[in-house]
Amino acid sequence: MLTRYAGMTPKSQSYLFTFGLALTLIGMIVTDMWLPMVAGAIILAALAVESWIRILYIIPMKKELKELTVRLTRLEHK
């Protein structure tokens, strides 16, 4: 799931999925189409949570790992 939406920035993806989840929840309140809306809400909730986890934890961790490898190579060359 992490590489499926490569055309958008992760922050845009998280906003999109959160907005879609909000629209789905509003649709559940307004209409009587519960089964499709519940399925959509579950899927969008999973996508929204995954995108927020990616923004808050995975991307900063990758940046920190890259910085640590650069520091390690500098120390090895000294």
PDB file of N, CA and C in Angstrom:
ATOM      1  N   MET A   1       0.801  -1.192   0.000  1.00  0.00           N
ATOM      2  CA  MET A   1       0.000   0.000   0.000  1.00  0.00           C
ATOM      3  C   MET A   1       0.849   1.264   0.000  1.00  0.00           C
ATOM      4  N   LEU A   2       2.073   1.165   0.440  1.00  0.00           N
ATOM      5  CA  LEU A   2       2.886   2.373   0.584  1.00  0.00           C
ATOM      6  C   LEU A   2       3.342   2.934  -0.751  1.00  0.00           C
ATOM      7  N   THR A   3       3.451   2.126  -1.789  1.00  0.00           N
ATOM      8  CA  THR A   3       3.951   2.633  -3.064  1.00  0.00           C
ATOM      9  C   THR A   3       2.860   2.733  -4.119  1.00  0.00           C
ATOM     10  N   ARG A   4       1.628   2.462  -3.782  1.00  0.00           N
ATOM     11  CA  ARG A   4       0.562   2.448  -4.771  1.00  0.00           C
ATOM     12  C   ARG A   4       0.264   3.839  -5.310  1.00  0.00           C
ATOM     13  N   TYR A   5       0.329   4.869  -4.485  1.00  0.00           N
ATOM     14  CA  TYR A   5      -0.041   6.223  -4.871  1.00  0.00           C
ATOM     15  C   TYR A   5       1.215   7.087  -4.969  1.00  0.00           C
ATOM     16  N   ALA A   6       2.053   6.782  -5.919  1.00  0.00           N
ATOM     17  CA  ALA A   6       3.341   7.467  -6.023  1.00  0.00           C
ATOM     18  C   ALA A   6       3.225   8.828  -6.696  1.00  0.00           C
ATOM     19  N   GLY A   7       2.112   9.137  -7.338  1.00  0.00           N
ATOM     20  CA  GLY A   7       1.970  10.403  -8.038  1.00  0.00           C
ATOM     21  C   GLY A   7       1.655  11.577  -7.137  1.00  0.00           C
ATOM     22  N   MET A   8       1.261  11.303  -5.894  1.00  0.00           N
ATOM     23  CA  MET A   8       0.899  12.363  -4.950  1.00  0.00           C
ATOM     24  C   MET A   8       1.882  12.379  -3.793  1.00  0.00           C
ATOM     25  N   THR A   9       1.978  13.520  -3.148  1.00  0.00           N
ATOM     26  CA  THR A   9       2.812  13.580  -1.951  1.00  0.00           C
ATOM     27  C   THR A   9       2.090  12.856  -0.814  1.00  0.00           C
ATOM     28  N   PRO A  10       2.831  12.338   0.130  1.00  0.00           N
ATOM     29  CA  PRO A  10       2.182  11.631   1.243  1.00  0.00           C
ATOM     30  C   PRO A  10       1.221  12.515   2.034  1.00  0.00           C
ATOM     31  N   LYS A  11       1.547  13.792   2.172  1.00  0.00           N
ATOM     32  CA  LYS A  11       0.649  14.687   2.916  1.00  0.00           C
ATOM     33  C   LYS A  11      -0.658  14.886   2.155  1.00  0.00           C
ATOM     34  N   SER A  12      -0.587  15.024   0.832  1.00  0.00           N
ATOM     35  CA  SER A  12      -1.797  15.151   0.024  1.00  0.00           C
ATOM     36  C   SER A  12      -2.635  13.883   0.096  1.00  0.00           C
ATOM     37  N   GLN A  13      -1.971  12.740   0.095  1.00  0.00           N
ATOM     38  CA  GLN A  13      -2.688  11.474   0.214  1.00  0.00           C
ATOM     39  C   GLN A  13      -3.431  11.391   1.536  1.00  0.00           C
ATOM     40  N   SER A  14      -2.783  11.802   2.616  1.00  0.00           N
ATOM     41  CA  SER A  14      -3.430  11.710   3.915  1.00  0.00           C
ATOM     42  C   SER A  14      -4.638  12.637   3.988  1.00  0.00           C
ATOM     43  N   TYR A  15      -4.512  13.844   3.422  1.00  0.00           N
ATOM     44  CA  TYR A  15      -5.655  14.752   3.388  1.00  0.00           C
ATOM     45  C   TYR A  15      -6.789  14.181   2.543  1.00  0.00           C
ATOM     46  N   LEU A  16      -6.442  13.598   1.404  1.00  0.00           N
ATOM     47  CA  LEU A  16      -7.444  13.018   0.524  1.00  0.00           C
ATOM     48  C   LEU A  16      -8.189  11.870   1.203  1.00  0.00           C
ATOM     49  N   PHE A  17      -7.445  10.965   1.834  1.00  0.00           N
ATOM     50  CA  PHE A  17      -8.077   9.822   2.479  1.00  0.00           C
ATOM     51  C   PHE A  17      -8.913  10.245   3.686  1.00  0.00           C
ATOM     52  N   THR A  18      -8.436  11.226   4.436  1.00  0.00           N
ATOM     53  CA  THR A  18      -9.196  11.710   5.586  1.00  0.00           C
ATOM     54  C   THR A  18     -10.472  12.411   5.124  1.00  0.00           C
ATOM     55  N   PHE A  19     -10.366  13.194   4.072  1.00  0.00           N
ATOM     56  CA  PHE A  19     -11.549  13.850   3.518  1.00  0.00           C
ATOM     57  C   PHE A  19     -12.538  12.821   2.977  1.00  0.00           C
ATOM     58  N   GLY A  20     -12.034  11.806   2.288  1.00  0.00           N
ATOM     59  CA  GLY A  20     -12.895  10.738   1.782  1.00  0.00           C
ATOM     60  C   GLY A  20     -13.584   9.987   2.909  1.00  0.00           C
ATOM     61  N   LEU A  21     -12.868   9.755   3.995  1.00  0.00           N
ATOM     62  CA  LEU A  21     -13.468   9.090   5.149  1.00  0.00           C
ATOM     63  C   LEU A  21     -14.566   9.946   5.754  1.00  0.00           C
ATOM     64  N   ALA A  22     -14.321  11.260   5.860  1.00  0.00           N
ATOM     65  CA  ALA A  22     -15.346  12.162   6.397  1.00  0.00           C
ATOM     66  C   ALA A  22     -16.584  12.165   5.499  1.00  0.00           C
ATOM     67  N   LEU A  23     -16.381  12.202   4.185  1.00  0.00           N
ATOM     68  CA  LEU A  23     -17.519  12.165   3.264  1.00  0.00           C
ATOM     69  C   LEU A  23     -18.284  10.846   3.373  1.00  0.00           C
ATOM     70  N   THR A  24     -17.574   9.760   3.527  1.00  0.00           N
ATOM     71  CA  THR A  24     -18.226   8.460   3.671  1.00  0.00           C
ATOM     72  C   THR A  24     -19.041   8.400   4.955  1.00  0.00           C
ATOM     73  N   LEU A  25     -18.492   8.920   6.039  1.00  0.00           N
ATOM     74  CA  LEU A  25     -19.233   8.925   7.298  1.00  0.00           C
ATOM     75  C   LEU A  25     -20.473   9.815   7.203  1.00  0.00           C
ATOM     76  N   ILE A  26     -20.349  10.959   6.537  1.00  0.00           N
ATOM     77  CA  ILE A  26     -21.517  11.824   6.329  1.00  0.00           C
ATOM     78  C   ILE A  26     -22.550  11.106   5.464  1.00  0.00           C
ATOM     79  N   GLY A  27     -22.078  10.406   4.450  1.00  0.00           N
ATOM     80  CA  GLY A  27     -22.985   9.633   3.604  1.00  0.00           C
ATOM     81  C   GLY A  27     -23.695   8.533   4.369  1.00  0.00           C
ATOM     82  N   MET A  28     -23.009   7.942   5.337  1.00  0.00           N
ATOM     83  CA  MET A  28     -23.651   6.914   6.161  1.00  0.00           C
ATOM     84  C   MET A  28     -24.772   7.523   6.991  1.00  0.00           C
ATOM     85  N   ILE A  29     -24.587   8.747   7.453  1.00  0.00           N
ATOM     86  CA  ILE A  29     -25.603   9.407   8.270  1.00  0.00           C
ATOM     87  C   ILE A  29     -26.797   9.804   7.411  1.00  0.00           C
ATOM     88  N   VAL A  30     -26.539  10.299   6.218  1.00  0.00           N
ATOM     89  CA  VAL A  30     -27.590  10.882   5.389  1.00  0.00           C
ATOM     90  C   VAL A  30     -28.394   9.832   4.621  1.00  0.00           C
ATOM     91  N   THR A  31     -27.742   8.775   4.149  1.00  0.00           N
ATOM     92  CA  THR A  31     -28.431   7.810   3.283  1.00  0.00           C
ATOM     93  C   THR A  31     -28.713   6.508   4.018  1.00  0.00           C
ATOM     94  N   ASP A  32     -29.404   5.627   3.324  1.00  0.00           N
ATOM     95  CA  ASP A  32     -29.726   4.307   3.859  1.00  0.00           C
ATOM     96  C   ASP A  32     -28.843   3.208   3.273  1.00  0.00           C
ATOM     97  N   MET A  33     -27.825   3.573   2.541  1.00  0.00           N
ATOM     98  CA  MET A  33     -26.942   2.587   1.907  1.00  0.00           C
ATOM     99  C   MET A  33     -25.826   2.197   2.876  1.00  0.00           C
ATOM    100  N   TRP A  34     -26.152   1.461   3.902  1.00  0.00           N
ATOM    101  CA  TRP A  34     -25.206   1.175   4.962  1.00  0.00           C
ATOM    102  C   TRP A  34     -24.092   0.227   4.553  1.00  0.00           C
ATOM    103  N   LEU A  35     -24.436  -0.855   3.887  1.00  0.00           N
ATOM    104  CA  LEU A  35     -23.411  -1.864   3.595  1.00  0.00           C
ATOM    105  C   LEU A  35     -22.287  -1.329   2.710  1.00  0.00           C
ATOM    106  N   PRO A  36     -22.580  -0.673   1.584  1.00  0.00           N
ATOM    107  CA  PRO A  36     -21.466  -0.127   0.792  1.00  0.00           C
ATOM    108  C   PRO A  36     -20.702   0.969   1.531  1.00  0.00           C
ATOM    109  N   MET A  37     -21.429   1.763   2.294  1.00  0.00           N
ATOM    110  CA  MET A  37     -20.779   2.848   3.028  1.00  0.00           C
ATOM    111  C   MET A  37     -19.879   2.320   4.135  1.00  0.00           C
ATOM    112  N   VAL A  38     -20.298   1.269   4.806  1.00  0.00           N
ATOM    113  CA  VAL A  38     -19.466   0.685   5.860  1.00  0.00           C
ATOM    114  C   VAL A  38     -18.194   0.102   5.248  1.00  0.00           C
ATOM    115  N   ALA A  39     -18.333  -0.582   4.131  1.00  0.00           N
ATOM    116  CA  ALA A  39     -17.149  -1.136   3.463  1.00  0.00           C
ATOM    117  C   ALA A  39     -16.205  -0.012   3.036  1.00  0.00           C
ATOM    118  N   GLY A  40     -16.752   1.057   2.469  1.00  0.00           N
ATOM    119  CA  GLY A  40     -15.922   2.191   2.062  1.00  0.00           C
ATOM    120  C   GLY A  40     -15.275   2.874   3.247  1.00  0.00           C
ATOM    121  N   ALA A  41     -16.014   2.976   4.347  1.00  0.00           N
ATOM    122  CA  ALA A  41     -15.453   3.616   5.545  1.00  0.00           C
ATOM    123  C   ALA A  41     -14.306   2.797   6.120  1.00  0.00           C
ATOM    124  N   ILE A  42     -14.438   1.498   6.114  1.00  0.00           N
ATOM    125  CA  ILE A  42     -13.362   0.639   6.634  1.00  0.00           C
ATOM    126  C   ILE A  42     -12.119   0.769   5.763  1.00  0.00           C
ATOM    127  N   ILE A  43     -12.313   0.741   4.460  1.00  0.00           N
ATOM    128  CA  ILE A  43     -11.170   0.854   3.541  1.00  0.00           C
ATOM    129  C   ILE A  43     -10.513   2.226   3.663  1.00  0.00           C
ATOM    130  N   LEU A  44     -11.315   3.287   3.679  1.00  0.00           N
ATOM    131  CA  LEU A  44     -10.744   4.630   3.783  1.00  0.00           C
ATOM    132  C   LEU A  44     -10.101   4.879   5.142  1.00  0.00           C
ATOM    133  N   ALA A  45     -10.660   4.294   6.187  1.00  0.00           N
ATOM    134  CA  ALA A  45     -10.035   4.442   7.503  1.00  0.00           C
ATOM    135  C   ALA A  45      -8.658   3.787   7.511  1.00  0.00           C
ATOM    136  N   ALA A  46      -8.553   2.613   6.907  1.00  0.00           N
ATOM    137  CA  ALA A  46      -7.247   1.934   6.833  1.00  0.00           C
ATOM    138  C   ALA A  46      -6.254   2.760   6.025  1.00  0.00           C
ATOM    139  N   LEU A  47      -6.695   3.306   4.894  1.00  0.00           N
ATOM    140  CA  LEU A  47      -5.802   4.120   4.064  1.00  0.00           C
ATOM    141  C   LEU A  47      -5.397   5.408   4.776  1.00  0.00           C
ATOM    142  N   ALA A  48      -6.337   6.031   5.478  1.00  0.00           N
ATOM    143  CA  ALA A  48      -6.025   7.273   6.190  1.00  0.00           C
ATOM    144  C   ALA A  48      -5.039   7.013   7.318  1.00  0.00           C
ATOM    145  N   VAL A  49      -5.263   5.951   8.087  1.00  0.00           N
ATOM    146  CA  VAL A  49      -4.348   5.625   9.187  1.00  0.00           C
ATOM    147  C   VAL A  49      -2.967   5.301   8.649  1.00  0.00           C
ATOM    148  N   GLU A  50      -2.920   4.532   7.567  1.00  0.00           N
ATOM    149  CA  GLU A  50      -1.625   4.195   6.976  1.00  0.00           C
ATOM    150  C   GLU A  50      -0.881   5.428   6.486  1.00  0.00           C
ATOM    151  N   SER A  51      -1.601   6.361   5.864  1.00  0.00           N
ATOM    152  CA  SER A  51      -0.927   7.556   5.353  1.00  0.00           C
ATOM    153  C   SER A  51      -0.456   8.464   6.485  1.00  0.00           C
ATOM    154  N   TRP A  52      -1.223   8.582   7.560  1.00  0.00           N
ATOM    155  CA  TRP A  52      -0.774   9.395   8.688  1.00  0.00           C
ATOM    156  C   TRP A  52       0.406   8.748   9.397  1.00  0.00           C
ATOM    157  N   ILE A  53       0.422   7.427   9.513  1.00  0.00           N
ATOM    158  CA  ILE A  53       1.581   6.732  10.103  1.00  0.00           C
ATOM    159  C   ILE A  53       2.816   6.959   9.240  1.00  0.00           C
ATOM    160  N   ARG A  54       2.620   6.919   7.925  1.00  0.00           N
ATOM    161  CA  ARG A  54       3.747   7.149   7.023  1.00  0.00           C
ATOM    162  C   ARG A  54       4.308   8.554   7.204  1.00  0.00           C
ATOM    163  N   ILE A  55       3.440   9.554   7.334  1.00  0.00           N
ATOM    164  CA  ILE A  55       3.902  10.934   7.497  1.00  0.00           C
ATOM    165  C   ILE A  55       4.583  11.137   8.844  1.00  0.00           C
ATOM    166  N   LEU A  56       3.987  10.589   9.894  1.00  0.00           N
ATOM    167  CA  LEU A  56       4.493  10.851  11.241  1.00  0.00           C
ATOM    168  C   LEU A  56       5.703  10.011  11.630  1.00  0.00           C
ATOM    169  N   TYR A  57       5.823   8.789  11.096  1.00  0.00           N
ATOM    170  CA  TYR A  57       6.866   7.890  11.580  1.00  0.00           C
ATOM    171  C   TYR A  57       7.802   7.363  10.498  1.00  0.00           C
ATOM    172  N   ILE A  58       7.270   6.868   9.399  1.00  0.00           N
ATOM    173  CA  ILE A  58       8.109   6.161   8.425  1.00  0.00           C
ATOM    174  C   ILE A  58       9.014   7.118   7.656  1.00  0.00           C
ATOM    175  N   ILE A  59       8.467   8.215   7.138  1.00  0.00           N
ATOM    176  CA  ILE A  59       9.283   9.155   6.365  1.00  0.00           C
ATOM    177  C   ILE A  59      10.373   9.798   7.226  1.00  0.00           C
ATOM    178  N   PRO A  60      10.056  10.288   8.457  1.00  0.00           N
ATOM    179  CA  PRO A  60      11.156  10.818   9.288  1.00  0.00           C
ATOM    180  C   PRO A  60      12.189   9.751   9.648  1.00  0.00           C
ATOM    181  N   MET A  61      11.754   8.506   9.844  1.00  0.00           N
ATOM    182  CA  MET A  61      12.694   7.440  10.167  1.00  0.00           C
ATOM    183  C   MET A  61      13.638   7.178   8.994  1.00  0.00           C
ATOM    184  N   LYS A  62      13.102   7.195   7.764  1.00  0.00           N
ATOM    185  CA  LYS A  62      13.956   6.989   6.593  1.00  0.00           C
ATOM    186  C   LYS A  62      14.965   8.119   6.438  1.00  0.00           C
ATOM    187  N   LYS A  63      14.524   9.360   6.703  1.00  0.00           N
ATOM    188  CA  LYS A  63      15.447  10.491   6.623  1.00  0.00           C
ATOM    189  C   LYS A  63      16.547  10.373   7.669  1.00  0.00           C
ATOM    190  N   GLU A  64      16.169   9.985   8.875  1.00  0.00           N
ATOM    191  CA  GLU A  64      17.159   9.828   9.940  1.00  0.00           C
ATOM    192  C   GLU A  64      18.128   8.693   9.622  1.00  0.00           C
ATOM    193  N   LEU A  65      17.629   7.607   9.064  1.00  0.00           N
ATOM    194  CA  LEU A  65      18.500   6.501   8.681  1.00  0.00           C
ATOM    195  C   LEU A  65      19.484   6.927   7.607  1.00  0.00           C
ATOM    196  N   LYS A  66      19.014   7.724   6.648  1.00  0.00           N
ATOM    197  CA  LYS A  66      19.896   8.217   5.595  1.00  0.00           C
ATOM    198  C   LYS A  66      20.986   9.107   6.185  1.00  0.00           C
ATOM    199  N   GLU A  67      20.608   9.973   7.132  1.00  0.00           N
ATOM    200  CA  GLU A  67      21.599  10.835   7.787  1.00  0.00           C
ATOM    201  C   GLU A  67      22.606  10.006   8.578  1.00  0.00           C
ATOM    202  N   LEU A  68      22.133   8.967   9.234  1.00  0.00           N
ATOM    203  CA  LEU A  68      23.043   8.119   9.999  1.00  0.00           C
ATOM    204  C   LEU A  68      24.013   7.359   9.100  1.00  0.00           C
ATOM    205  N   THR A  69      23.550   6.913   7.941  1.00  0.00           N
ATOM    206  CA  THR A  69      24.474   6.226   7.029  1.00  0.00           C
ATOM    207  C   THR A  69      25.509   7.194   6.483  1.00  0.00           C
ATOM    208  N   VAL A  70      25.109   8.438   6.229  1.00  0.00           N
ATOM    209  CA  VAL A  70      26.067   9.441   5.763  1.00  0.00           C
ATOM    210  C   VAL A  70      27.106   9.701   6.850  1.00  0.00           C
ATOM    211  N   ARG A  71      26.665   9.834   8.089  1.00  0.00           N
ATOM    212  CA  ARG A  71      27.606  10.045   9.205  1.00  0.00           C
ATOM    213  C   ARG A  71      28.543   8.855   9.357  1.00  0.00           C
ATOM    214  N   LEU A  72      27.986   7.662   9.203  1.00  0.00           N
ATOM    215  CA  LEU A  72      28.804   6.453   9.347  1.00  0.00           C
ATOM    216  C   LEU A  72      29.856   6.374   8.261  1.00  0.00           C
ATOM    217  N   THR A  73      29.496   6.694   7.029  1.00  0.00           N
ATOM    218  CA  THR A  73      30.492   6.671   5.960  1.00  0.00           C
ATOM    219  C   THR A  73      31.560   7.727   6.165  1.00  0.00           C
ATOM    220  N   ARG A  74      31.167   8.894   6.695  1.00  0.00           N
ATOM    221  CA  ARG A  74      32.168   9.932   6.990  1.00  0.00           C
ATOM    222  C   ARG A  74      33.139   9.456   8.075  1.00  0.00           C
ATOM    223  N   LEU A  75      32.590   8.796   9.096  1.00  0.00           N
ATOM    224  CA  LEU A  75      33.456   8.285  10.166  1.00  0.00           C
ATOM    225  C   LEU A  75      34.356   7.167   9.669  1.00  0.00           C
ATOM    226  N   GLU A  76      33.874   6.354   8.764  1.00  0.00           N
ATOM    227  CA  GLU A  76      34.696   5.269   8.237  1.00  0.00           C
ATOM    228  C   GLU A  76      35.829   5.808   7.374  1.00  0.00           C
ATOM    229  N   HIS A  77      35.607   6.901   6.688  1.00  0.00           N
ATOM    230  CA  HIS A  77      36.665   7.459   5.844  1.00  0.00           C
ATOM    231  C   HIS A  77      37.712   8.215   6.636  1.00  0.00           C
ATOM    232  N   LYS A  78      37.394   8.610   7.863  1.00  0.00           N
ATOM    233  CA  LYS A  78      38.381   9.327   8.679  1.00  0.00           C
ATOM    234  C   LYS A  78      39.353   8.431   9.336  1.00  0.00           C
TER     235      LYS A  78
END
